[in-house]
Amino acid sequence: MSLRLRTIMLYVSDVARSKEFYTTFFDAKVLPDYESLWFAMLDLPGSPPLALFDVSQGLPAGVSASPGGFELDFEVEDIEEIYQDWRGKDVELVTEIFSSPSGNLRLFYAKDPDGHSLAIYQMQQAQAEI
């Protein structure tokens, strides 16, 4: 059996607000064939599509979700540039940039408008052995 992750679904409280956030800060493009007042499908460069669904529109029986109950991790080439850019804009930054305990990456945490955790990280170059 072959399984492939094709779409990431976020349950949000305001599709328009979340759409604006992801198109502004992640260069996502709206896929107009999949857009309504309660749903939007966004094309994220180099990633599976990100679907935004208004949680107030109801979920299938047995499915529960709350806005903010998910984390998205994004690898970037220049973490300092992203951090400084977001710092001057309306993005909730949760941490400053720090190194992971293993030392193989630098990262910071932020939140989207619904409180979903965003981990932004940059891989560290391995130190050449002398």
Protein backbone atom coordinates (compact mmCIF):
# COMPACT_ATOMS: atom_id res chain seq x y z
CA MET A 1 0.00 0.00 0.00
CA SER A 2 1.29 3.45 -0.90
CA LEU A 3 0.25 6.47 1.14
CA ARG A 4 1.30 10.01 0.32
CA LEU A 5 0.47 13.18 2.17
CA ARG A 6 -1.32 15.35 -0.38
CA THR A 7 -3.01 18.12 1.62
CA ILE A 8 -2.68 19.69 5.06
CA MET A 9 -6.01 20.80 6.54
CA LEU A 10 -6.19 23.54 9.15
CA TYR A 11 -9.43 24.22 10.98
CA VAL A 12 -9.73 27.98 11.39
CA SER A 13 -12.18 30.46 12.85
CA ASP A 14 -11.95 32.93 9.94
CA VAL A 15 -10.98 31.66 6.47
CA ALA A 16 -10.46 35.15 5.00
CA ARG A 17 -8.13 36.18 7.84
CA SER A 18 -6.09 32.95 7.60
CA LYS A 19 -5.95 33.19 3.82
CA GLU A 20 -4.56 36.73 4.11
CA PHE A 21 -1.95 35.57 6.64
CA TYR A 22 -0.64 32.64 4.58
CA THR A 23 -0.64 34.53 1.28
CA THR A 24 1.20 37.45 2.89
CA PHE A 25 3.80 35.66 5.01
CA PHE A 26 4.28 32.36 3.15
CA ASP A 27 3.83 33.48 -0.46
CA ALA A 28 0.92 31.01 -0.78
CA LYS A 29 -1.33 31.28 -3.81
CA VAL A 30 -5.09 30.76 -3.58
CA LEU A 31 -6.41 27.97 -5.83
CA PRO A 32 -9.64 29.66 -6.98
CA ASP A 33 -11.33 26.42 -8.09
CA TYR A 34 -11.39 25.35 -4.42
CA GLU A 35 -12.50 28.57 -2.76
CA SER A 36 -15.66 29.53 -0.90
CA LEU A 37 -16.59 31.59 2.16
CA TRP A 38 -15.88 28.57 4.39
CA PHE A 39 -12.97 26.94 2.59
CA ALA A 40 -9.79 27.85 0.75
CA MET A 41 -7.05 25.75 -0.80
CA LEU A 42 -3.63 27.38 -0.93
CA ASP A 43 -0.59 26.39 -2.95
CA LEU A 44 2.52 26.64 -0.76
CA PRO A 45 5.77 26.70 -2.75
CA GLY A 46 7.50 23.31 -2.43
CA SER A 47 4.85 21.85 -0.10
CA PRO A 48 1.54 20.00 -0.19
CA PRO A 49 -1.46 22.34 -0.53
CA LEU A 50 -2.74 23.95 2.65
CA ALA A 51 -6.51 23.75 3.06
CA LEU A 52 -8.32 26.16 5.38
CA PHE A 53 -11.74 25.08 6.66
CA ASP A 54 -14.04 27.20 8.83
CA VAL A 55 -14.60 24.99 11.87
CA SER A 56 -18.01 26.60 12.48
CA GLN A 57 -19.35 24.89 9.35
CA GLY A 58 -19.40 21.53 11.08
CA LEU A 59 -17.29 18.39 10.88
CA PRO A 60 -18.20 14.80 10.15
CA ALA A 61 -19.58 12.79 13.08
CA GLY A 62 -16.75 11.59 15.30
CA VAL A 63 -14.31 14.29 14.13
CA SER A 64 -13.36 17.07 16.50
CA ALA A 65 -11.04 19.99 15.97
CA SER A 66 -10.21 23.31 17.51
CA PRO A 67 -8.46 26.20 15.82
CA GLY A 68 -4.86 26.35 16.99
CA GLY A 69 -4.42 22.63 17.65
CA PHE A 70 -1.72 21.99 15.06
CA GLU A 71 1.92 22.81 14.32
CA LEU A 72 3.44 23.53 10.92
CA ASP A 73 7.22 23.40 10.51
CA PHE A 74 8.89 25.42 7.74
CA GLU A 75 12.51 25.19 6.67
CA VAL A 76 14.00 28.50 5.51
CA GLU A 77 17.32 29.53 4.01
CA ASP A 78 17.78 32.71 6.07
CA ILE A 79 16.14 32.55 9.48
CA GLU A 80 17.44 35.99 10.52
CA GLU A 81 15.75 37.63 7.53
CA ILE A 82 12.39 35.96 8.21
CA TYR A 83 12.54 36.72 11.93
CA GLN A 84 13.37 40.40 11.41
CA ASP A 85 10.70 40.75 8.71
CA TRP A 86 8.00 39.20 10.90
CA ARG A 87 9.14 41.10 13.98
CA GLY A 88 8.16 44.34 12.28
CA LYS A 89 4.77 43.03 11.18
CA ASP A 90 1.61 41.70 12.77
CA VAL A 91 2.89 38.18 13.49
CA GLU A 92 2.82 36.79 17.02
CA LEU A 93 6.39 35.69 17.76
CA VAL A 94 6.52 33.18 20.61
CA THR A 95 10.30 32.84 20.95
CA GLU A 96 13.44 34.48 19.76
CA ILE A 97 15.78 32.49 17.51
CA PHE A 98 17.53 29.71 19.42
CA SER A 99 19.63 26.62 18.68
CA SER A 100 18.17 23.16 19.10
CA PRO A 101 19.72 20.98 21.84
CA SER A 102 21.45 18.90 19.15
CA GLY A 103 22.87 22.06 17.58
CA ASN A 104 21.89 20.97 14.07
CA LEU A 105 19.34 23.73 13.54
CA ARG A 106 18.31 27.21 14.59
CA LEU A 107 14.63 27.97 15.02
CA PHE A 108 11.93 30.21 16.41
CA TYR A 109 8.24 29.76 17.09
CA ALA A 110 5.39 31.99 15.99
CA LYS A 111 1.60 31.65 15.75
CA ASP A 112 -0.88 32.12 12.94
CA PRO A 113 -4.12 34.08 13.55
CA ASP A 114 -5.85 31.00 15.04
CA GLY A 115 -2.95 30.12 17.32
CA HIS A 116 -1.52 27.27 15.24
CA SER A 117 2.11 26.88 16.16
CA LEU A 118 4.61 27.73 13.42
CA ALA A 119 8.15 26.41 13.84
CA ILE A 120 10.52 28.23 11.51
CA TYR A 121 13.93 26.61 11.26
CA GLN A 122 17.22 26.71 9.39
CA MET A 123 19.52 23.70 9.23
CA GLN A 124 23.06 24.36 10.42
CA GLN A 125 26.03 23.47 8.27
CA ALA A 126 28.02 20.59 9.74
CA GLN A 127 31.34 21.77 11.08
CA ALA A 128 34.20 20.35 9.05
CA GLU A 129 36.48 18.17 11.12
CA ILE A 130 40.09 19.27 11.30
